[in-house]
Structures are given as C-alpha cells and as structure tokens.
C-alpha cells in the first residue's frame, strides 16, 4: 500500500483537525517520538499511547482502525 503524499510529521486533517485544541502539543509529542525512533507517545490530553506515522509506515499497510497518524490516509 503506498504512503500518502505528505510528510510523516503531518497527520491527515480528518485524523487531527487544524482546530483541535491540543494540536500543537500532539504534533510536538509526535515529532519527539519520531526523532527518537520510538513506536509512539502518550497523548498529551488522555495519556493513551498513540502510534507514530514512522511506526505505522514500517508496518507496510493500513490496519483500518483510524490511527491518528496513519501515513496511508490519502486526501
């Protein structure tokens, strides 16, 4: 399955809308986890573990579960 045509640092707007109240904190946590090569990070709002786009891309396919940073969701 091909990756979407956007950087791994930018989630699809349907998964993390531009108006999301914690968007900047989420993107910062995601970027730090990506840079560290980690599989995910704790969500700043809920504390739930969220997989990074890098981890999901290495899996090679979309699981269809609506992941926030799914690198396969196309525009």
PDB file of N, CA and C in Angstrom:
ATOM      1  N   UNK A   1       0.857  -1.175   0.000  1.00  0.00           N
ATOM      2  CA  UNK A   1       0.000   0.000   0.000  1.00  0.00           C
ATOM      3  C   UNK A   1       0.907   1.243   0.000  1.00  0.00           C
ATOM      4  N   UNK A   2       0.695   2.171  -0.903  1.00  0.00           N
ATOM      5  CA  UNK A   2       1.551   3.364  -0.961  1.00  0.00           C
ATOM      6  C   UNK A   2       1.233   4.358   0.150  1.00  0.00           C
ATOM      7  N   UNK A   3       2.274   5.046   0.583  1.00  0.00           N
ATOM      8  CA  UNK A   3       2.110   6.094   1.585  1.00  0.00           C
ATOM      9  C   UNK A   3       1.432   7.304   0.954  1.00  0.00           C
ATOM     10  N   UNK A   4       0.718   8.068   1.755  1.00  0.00           N
ATOM     11  CA  UNK A   4       0.091   9.302   1.281  1.00  0.00           C
ATOM     12  C   UNK A   4       1.171  10.316   0.934  1.00  0.00           C
ATOM     13  N   UNK A   5       0.839  11.258   0.089  1.00  0.00           N
ATOM     14  CA  UNK A   5       1.792  12.275  -0.378  1.00  0.00           C
ATOM     15  C   UNK A   5       1.825  13.471   0.586  1.00  0.00           C
ATOM     16  N   UNK A   6       2.378  13.226   1.786  1.00  0.00           N
ATOM     17  CA  UNK A   6       2.580  14.285   2.788  1.00  0.00           C
ATOM     18  C   UNK A   6       3.661  13.796   3.740  1.00  0.00           C
ATOM     19  N   UNK A   7       4.313  14.713   4.429  1.00  0.00           N
ATOM     20  CA  UNK A   7       5.360  14.300   5.371  1.00  0.00           C
ATOM     21  C   UNK A   7       4.782  13.469   6.518  1.00  0.00           C
ATOM     22  N   UNK A   8       5.591  12.581   7.076  1.00  0.00           N
ATOM     23  CA  UNK A   8       5.142  11.772   8.205  1.00  0.00           C
ATOM     24  C   UNK A   8       4.809  12.624   9.425  1.00  0.00           C
ATOM     25  N   UNK A   9       5.292  13.833   9.448  1.00  0.00           N
ATOM     26  CA  UNK A   9       5.043  14.736  10.576  1.00  0.00           C
ATOM     27  C   UNK A   9       3.673  15.407  10.498  1.00  0.00           C
ATOM     28  N   UNK A  10       2.990  15.277   9.364  1.00  0.00           N
ATOM     29  CA  UNK A  10       1.705  15.969   9.165  1.00  0.00           C
ATOM     30  C   UNK A  10       0.566  14.953   9.060  1.00  0.00           C
ATOM     31  N   UNK A  11      -0.267  14.827  10.106  1.00  0.00           N
ATOM     32  CA  UNK A  11      -1.400  13.900  10.017  1.00  0.00           C
ATOM     33  C   UNK A  11      -2.486  14.418   9.082  1.00  0.00           C
ATOM     34  N   UNK A  12      -3.264  13.507   8.556  1.00  0.00           N
ATOM     35  CA  UNK A  12      -4.388  13.885   7.702  1.00  0.00           C
ATOM     36  C   UNK A  12      -5.359  14.728   8.529  1.00  0.00           C
ATOM     37  N   UNK A  13      -5.912  15.809   7.960  1.00  0.00           N
ATOM     38  CA  UNK A  13      -6.819  16.683   8.709  1.00  0.00           C
ATOM     39  C   UNK A  13      -8.048  15.978   9.278  1.00  0.00           C
ATOM     40  N   UNK A  14      -8.439  14.870   8.696  1.00  0.00           N
ATOM     41  CA  UNK A  14      -9.585  14.140   9.242  1.00  0.00           C
ATOM     42  C   UNK A  14      -9.215  13.398  10.529  1.00  0.00           C
ATOM     43  N   UNK A  15      -7.921  13.193  10.745  1.00  0.00           N
ATOM     44  CA  UNK A  15      -7.458  12.477  11.934  1.00  0.00           C
ATOM     45  C   UNK A  15      -7.012  13.425  13.050  1.00  0.00           C
ATOM     46  N   UNK A  16      -6.503  14.598  12.671  1.00  0.00           N
ATOM     47  CA  UNK A  16      -6.126  15.628  13.652  1.00  0.00           C
ATOM     48  C   UNK A  16      -6.419  16.971  12.996  1.00  0.00           C
ATOM     49  N   UNK A  17      -7.630  17.469  13.183  1.00  0.00           N
ATOM     50  CA  UNK A  17      -8.045  18.710  12.522  1.00  0.00           C
ATOM     51  C   UNK A  17      -7.196  19.909  12.948  1.00  0.00           C
ATOM     52  N   UNK A  18      -7.034  20.876  12.050  1.00  0.00           N
ATOM     53  CA  UNK A  18      -6.265  22.085  12.377  1.00  0.00           C
ATOM     54  C   UNK A  18      -6.800  22.822  13.606  1.00  0.00           C
ATOM     55  N   UNK A  19      -8.088  22.723  13.890  1.00  0.00           N
ATOM     56  CA  UNK A  19      -8.676  23.427  15.029  1.00  0.00           C
ATOM     57  C   UNK A  19      -8.662  22.595  16.316  1.00  0.00           C
ATOM     58  N   UNK A  20      -8.065  21.418  16.308  1.00  0.00           N
ATOM     59  CA  UNK A  20      -8.013  20.579  17.515  1.00  0.00           C
ATOM     60  C   UNK A  20      -7.345  21.374  18.637  1.00  0.00           C
ATOM     61  N   UNK A  21      -7.934  21.417  19.822  1.00  0.00           N
ATOM     62  CA  UNK A  21      -7.414  22.271  20.892  1.00  0.00           C
ATOM     63  C   UNK A  21      -6.012  21.915  21.381  1.00  0.00           C
ATOM     64  N   UNK A  22      -5.589  20.684  21.168  1.00  0.00           N
ATOM     65  CA  UNK A  22      -4.263  20.260  21.628  1.00  0.00           C
ATOM     66  C   UNK A  22      -3.329  19.932  20.461  1.00  0.00           C
ATOM     67  N   UNK A  23      -3.663  20.416  19.271  1.00  0.00           N
ATOM     68  CA  UNK A  23      -2.901  20.058  18.068  1.00  0.00           C
ATOM     69  C   UNK A  23      -1.399  20.312  18.207  1.00  0.00           C
ATOM     70  N   UNK A  24      -1.015  21.479  18.685  1.00  0.00           N
ATOM     71  CA  UNK A  24       0.415  21.795  18.777  1.00  0.00           C
ATOM     72  C   UNK A  24       1.135  20.860  19.747  1.00  0.00           C
ATOM     73  N   UNK A  25       0.491  20.567  20.871  1.00  0.00           N
ATOM     74  CA  UNK A  25       1.091  19.642  21.834  1.00  0.00           C
ATOM     75  C   UNK A  25       1.178  18.229  21.259  1.00  0.00           C
ATOM     76  N   UNK A  26       0.153  17.810  20.546  1.00  0.00           N
ATOM     77  CA  UNK A  26       0.148  16.486  19.914  1.00  0.00           C
ATOM     78  C   UNK A  26       1.268  16.401  18.878  1.00  0.00           C
ATOM     79  N   UNK A  27       1.360  17.414  18.023  1.00  0.00           N
ATOM     80  CA  UNK A  27       2.393  17.401  16.981  1.00  0.00           C
ATOM     81  C   UNK A  27       3.797  17.431  17.583  1.00  0.00           C
ATOM     82  N   UNK A  28       3.985  18.159  18.679  1.00  0.00           N
ATOM     83  CA  UNK A  28       5.291  18.205  19.335  1.00  0.00           C
ATOM     84  C   UNK A  28       5.650  16.841  19.925  1.00  0.00           C
ATOM     85  N   UNK A  29       4.683  16.192  20.567  1.00  0.00           N
ATOM     86  CA  UNK A  29       4.927  14.865  21.134  1.00  0.00           C
ATOM     87  C   UNK A  29       5.220  13.856  20.030  1.00  0.00           C
ATOM     88  N   UNK A  30       4.485  13.946  18.929  1.00  0.00           N
ATOM     89  CA  UNK A  30       4.691  13.049  17.788  1.00  0.00           C
ATOM     90  C   UNK A  30       6.072  13.265  17.181  1.00  0.00           C
ATOM     91  N   UNK A  31       6.456  14.527  16.981  1.00  0.00           N
ATOM     92  CA  UNK A  31       7.763  14.836  16.394  1.00  0.00           C
ATOM     93  C   UNK A  31       8.897  14.329  17.279  1.00  0.00           C
ATOM     94  N   UNK A  32       8.763  14.479  18.588  1.00  0.00           N
ATOM     95  CA  UNK A  32       9.800  13.994  19.506  1.00  0.00           C
ATOM     96  C   UNK A  32       9.920  12.474  19.444  1.00  0.00           C
ATOM     97  N   UNK A  33       8.789  11.780  19.386  1.00  0.00           N
ATOM     98  CA  UNK A  33       8.813  10.319  19.290  1.00  0.00           C
ATOM     99  C   UNK A  33       9.406   9.867  17.959  1.00  0.00           C
ATOM    100  N   UNK A  34       9.045  10.560  16.868  1.00  0.00           N
ATOM    101  CA  UNK A  34       9.632  10.236  15.556  1.00  0.00           C
ATOM    102  C   UNK A  34      11.143  10.405  15.582  1.00  0.00           C
ATOM    103  N   UNK A  35      11.605  11.530  16.104  1.00  0.00           N
ATOM    104  CA  UNK A  35      13.043  11.828  16.145  1.00  0.00           C
ATOM    105  C   UNK A  35      13.804  10.802  16.986  1.00  0.00           C
ATOM    106  N   UNK A  36      13.168  10.297  18.026  1.00  0.00           N
ATOM    107  CA  UNK A  36      13.807   9.318  18.908  1.00  0.00           C
ATOM    108  C   UNK A  36      13.662   7.887  18.399  1.00  0.00           C
ATOM    109  N   UNK A  37      12.929   7.719  17.296  1.00  0.00           N
ATOM    110  CA  UNK A  37      12.721   6.380  16.741  1.00  0.00           C
ATOM    111  C   UNK A  37      11.787   5.522  17.578  1.00  0.00           C
ATOM    112  N   UNK A  38      10.944   6.164  18.374  1.00  0.00           N
ATOM    113  CA  UNK A  38      10.010   5.439  19.225  1.00  0.00           C
ATOM    114  C   UNK A  38       8.762   5.039  18.455  1.00  0.00           C
ATOM    115  N   UNK A  39       8.115   3.986  18.904  1.00  0.00           N
ATOM    116  CA  UNK A  39       6.901   3.497  18.252  1.00  0.00           C
ATOM    117  C   UNK A  39       5.715   4.420  18.479  1.00  0.00           C
ATOM    118  N   UNK A  40       5.734   5.163  19.568  1.00  0.00           N
ATOM    119  CA  UNK A  40       4.607   6.029  19.866  1.00  0.00           C
ATOM    120  C   UNK A  40       4.900   6.972  21.015  1.00  0.00           C
ATOM    121  N   UNK A  41       3.850   7.611  21.502  1.00  0.00           N
ATOM    122  CA  UNK A  41       3.973   8.606  22.565  1.00  0.00           C
ATOM    123  C   UNK A  41       2.664   8.643  23.353  1.00  0.00           C
ATOM    124  N   UNK A  42       2.700   9.113  24.604  1.00  0.00           N
ATOM    125  CA  UNK A  42       1.448   9.282  25.341  1.00  0.00           C
ATOM    126  C   UNK A  42       0.724  10.541  24.881  1.00  0.00           C
ATOM    127  N   UNK A  43      -0.543  10.412  24.576  1.00  0.00           N
ATOM    128  CA  UNK A  43      -1.330  11.558  24.149  1.00  0.00           C
ATOM    129  C   UNK A  43      -1.329  12.608  25.259  1.00  0.00           C
ATOM    130  N   UNK A  44      -1.024  13.886  24.913  1.00  0.00           N
ATOM    131  CA  UNK A  44      -0.964  14.936  25.933  1.00  0.00           C
ATOM    132  C   UNK A  44      -2.275  15.159  26.688  1.00  0.00           C
ATOM    133  N   UNK A  45      -3.392  14.833  26.078  1.00  0.00           N
ATOM    134  CA  UNK A  45      -4.688  15.069  26.716  1.00  0.00           C
ATOM    135  C   UNK A  45      -5.169  13.867  27.523  1.00  0.00           C
ATOM    136  N   UNK A  46      -5.068  12.671  26.930  1.00  0.00           N
ATOM    137  CA  UNK A  46      -5.653  11.487  27.556  1.00  0.00           C
ATOM    138  C   UNK A  46      -4.638  10.557  28.208  1.00  0.00           C
ATOM    139  N   UNK A  47      -3.361  10.653  27.785  1.00  0.00           N
ATOM    140  CA  UNK A  47      -2.345   9.739  28.297  1.00  0.00           C
ATOM    141  C   UNK A  47      -2.324   8.405  27.567  1.00  0.00           C
ATOM    142  N   UNK A  48      -3.270   8.191  26.636  1.00  0.00           N
ATOM    143  CA  UNK A  48      -3.292   6.941  25.865  1.00  0.00           C
ATOM    144  C   UNK A  48      -2.090   6.888  24.925  1.00  0.00           C
ATOM    145  N   UNK A  49      -1.600   5.691  24.648  1.00  0.00           N
ATOM    146  CA  UNK A  49      -0.451   5.510  23.765  1.00  0.00           C
ATOM    147  C   UNK A  49      -0.894   5.650  22.310  1.00  0.00           C
ATOM    148  N   UNK A  50      -0.222   6.512  21.558  1.00  0.00           N
ATOM    149  CA  UNK A  50      -0.549   6.782  20.154  1.00  0.00           C
ATOM    150  C   UNK A  50       0.641   6.388  19.287  1.00  0.00           C
ATOM    151  N   UNK A  51       0.408   5.574  18.283  1.00  0.00           N
ATOM    152  CA  UNK A  51       1.481   5.144  17.381  1.00  0.00           C
ATOM    153  C   UNK A  51       1.913   6.275  16.455  1.00  0.00           C
ATOM    154  N   UNK A  52       3.206   6.328  16.151  1.00  0.00           N
ATOM    155  CA  UNK A  52       3.722   7.353  15.243  1.00  0.00           C
ATOM    156  C   UNK A  52       3.521   6.930  13.789  1.00  0.00           C
ATOM    157  N   UNK A  53       3.568   7.908  12.911  1.00  0.00           N
ATOM    158  CA  UNK A  53       3.481   7.639  11.472  1.00  0.00           C
ATOM    159  C   UNK A  53       4.657   6.789  11.017  1.00  0.00           C
ATOM    160  N   UNK A  54       5.823   6.993  11.618  1.00  0.00           N
ATOM    161  CA  UNK A  54       7.002   6.195  11.262  1.00  0.00           C
ATOM    162  C   UNK A  54       6.785   4.721  11.565  1.00  0.00           C
ATOM    163  N   UNK A  55       6.277   4.422  12.740  1.00  0.00           N
ATOM    164  CA  UNK A  55       5.994   3.043  13.115  1.00  0.00           C
ATOM    165  C   UNK A  55       4.965   2.439  12.165  1.00  0.00           C
ATOM    166  N   UNK A  56       3.899   3.195  11.916  1.00  0.00           N
ATOM    167  CA  UNK A  56       2.838   2.691  11.043  1.00  0.00           C
ATOM    168  C   UNK A  56       3.324   2.490   9.614  1.00  0.00           C
ATOM    169  N   UNK A  57       4.196   3.362   9.132  1.00  0.00           N
ATOM    170  CA  UNK A  57       4.744   3.220   7.776  1.00  0.00           C
ATOM    171  C   UNK A  57       5.594   1.957   7.672  1.00  0.00           C
ATOM    172  N   UNK A  58       6.356   1.655   8.722  1.00  0.00           N
ATOM    173  CA  UNK A  58       7.200   0.455   8.705  1.00  0.00           C
ATOM    174  C   UNK A  58       6.362  -0.825   8.683  1.00  0.00           C
ATOM    175  N   UNK A  59       5.123  -0.740   9.164  1.00  0.00           N
ATOM    176  CA  UNK A  59       4.245  -1.918   9.118  1.00  0.00           C
ATOM    177  C   UNK A  59       3.910  -2.297   7.689  1.00  0.00           C
ATOM    178  N   UNK A  60       3.856  -1.317   6.800  1.00  0.00           N
ATOM    179  CA  UNK A  60       3.658  -1.594   5.384  1.00  0.00           C
ATOM    180  C   UNK A  60       2.229  -1.564   4.885  1.00  0.00           C
ATOM    181  N   UNK A  61       1.267  -1.410   5.777  1.00  0.00           N
ATOM    182  CA  UNK A  61      -0.124  -1.384   5.346  1.00  0.00           C
ATOM    183  C   UNK A  61      -0.991  -0.722   6.415  1.00  0.00           C
ATOM    184  N   UNK A  62      -2.122  -0.218   6.006  1.00  0.00           N
ATOM    185  CA  UNK A  62      -3.078   0.389   6.933  1.00  0.00           C
ATOM    186  C   UNK A  62      -3.871  -0.720   7.616  1.00  0.00           C
ATOM    187  N   UNK A  63      -4.077  -0.592   8.919  1.00  0.00           N
ATOM    188  CA  UNK A  63      -4.843  -1.592   9.666  1.00  0.00           C
ATOM    189  C   UNK A  63      -6.343  -1.286   9.647  1.00  0.00           C
ATOM    190  N   UNK A  64      -6.723  -0.054   9.226  1.00  0.00           N
ATOM    191  CA  UNK A  64      -8.128   0.308   9.141  1.00  0.00           C
ATOM    192  C   UNK A  64      -8.768   0.695  10.465  1.00  0.00           C
ATOM    193  N   UNK A  65      -7.956   0.959  11.488  1.00  0.00           N
ATOM    194  CA  UNK A  65      -8.510   1.286  12.807  1.00  0.00           C
ATOM    195  C   UNK A  65      -8.590   2.779  13.093  1.00  0.00           C
ATOM    196  N   UNK A  66      -8.287   3.611  12.126  1.00  0.00           N
ATOM    197  CA  UNK A  66      -8.430   5.056  12.308  1.00  0.00           C
ATOM    198  C   UNK A  66      -7.304   5.710  13.080  1.00  0.00           C
ATOM    199  N   UNK A  67      -6.100   5.203  12.969  1.00  0.00           N
ATOM    200  CA  UNK A  67      -4.953   5.752  13.699  1.00  0.00           C
ATOM    201  C   UNK A  67      -4.755   7.237  13.377  1.00  0.00           C
ATOM    202  N   UNK A  68      -4.449   8.008  14.408  1.00  0.00           N
ATOM    203  CA  UNK A  68      -4.282   9.458  14.278  1.00  0.00           C
ATOM    204  C   UNK A  68      -3.217   9.816  13.249  1.00  0.00           C
ATOM    205  N   UNK A  69      -2.122   9.096  13.233  1.00  0.00           N
ATOM    206  CA  UNK A  69      -1.004   9.441  12.354  1.00  0.00           C
ATOM    207  C   UNK A  69      -0.849   8.468  11.181  1.00  0.00           C
ATOM    208  N   UNK A  70      -1.931   7.832  10.784  1.00  0.00           N
ATOM    209  CA  UNK A  70      -1.852   6.861   9.680  1.00  0.00           C
ATOM    210  C   UNK A  70      -1.242   7.517   8.436  1.00  0.00           C
ATOM    211  N   UNK A  71      -0.110   6.983   7.963  1.00  0.00           N
ATOM    212  CA  UNK A  71       0.542   7.563   6.794  1.00  0.00           C
ATOM    213  C   UNK A  71      -0.068   7.113   5.469  1.00  0.00           C
ATOM    214  N   UNK A  72      -1.111   6.284   5.522  1.00  0.00           N
ATOM    215  CA  UNK A  72      -1.725   5.767   4.302  1.00  0.00           C
ATOM    216  C   UNK A  72      -2.994   6.511   3.918  1.00  0.00           C
ATOM    217  N   UNK A  73      -3.562   7.317   4.809  1.00  0.00           N
ATOM    218  CA  UNK A  73      -4.804   8.043   4.515  1.00  0.00           C
ATOM    219  C   UNK A  73      -4.513   9.101   3.453  1.00  0.00           C
ATOM    220  N   UNK A  74      -5.132   8.950   2.314  1.00  0.00           N
ATOM    221  CA  UNK A  74      -4.916   9.877   1.207  1.00  0.00           C
ATOM    222  C   UNK A  74      -5.944  11.011   1.257  1.00  0.00           C
ATOM    223  N   UNK A  75      -5.630  12.093   0.572  1.00  0.00           N
ATOM    224  CA  UNK A  75      -6.545  13.245   0.509  1.00  0.00           C
ATOM    225  C   UNK A  75      -7.743  12.965  -0.353  1.00  0.00           C
TER     226      UNK A  75
END
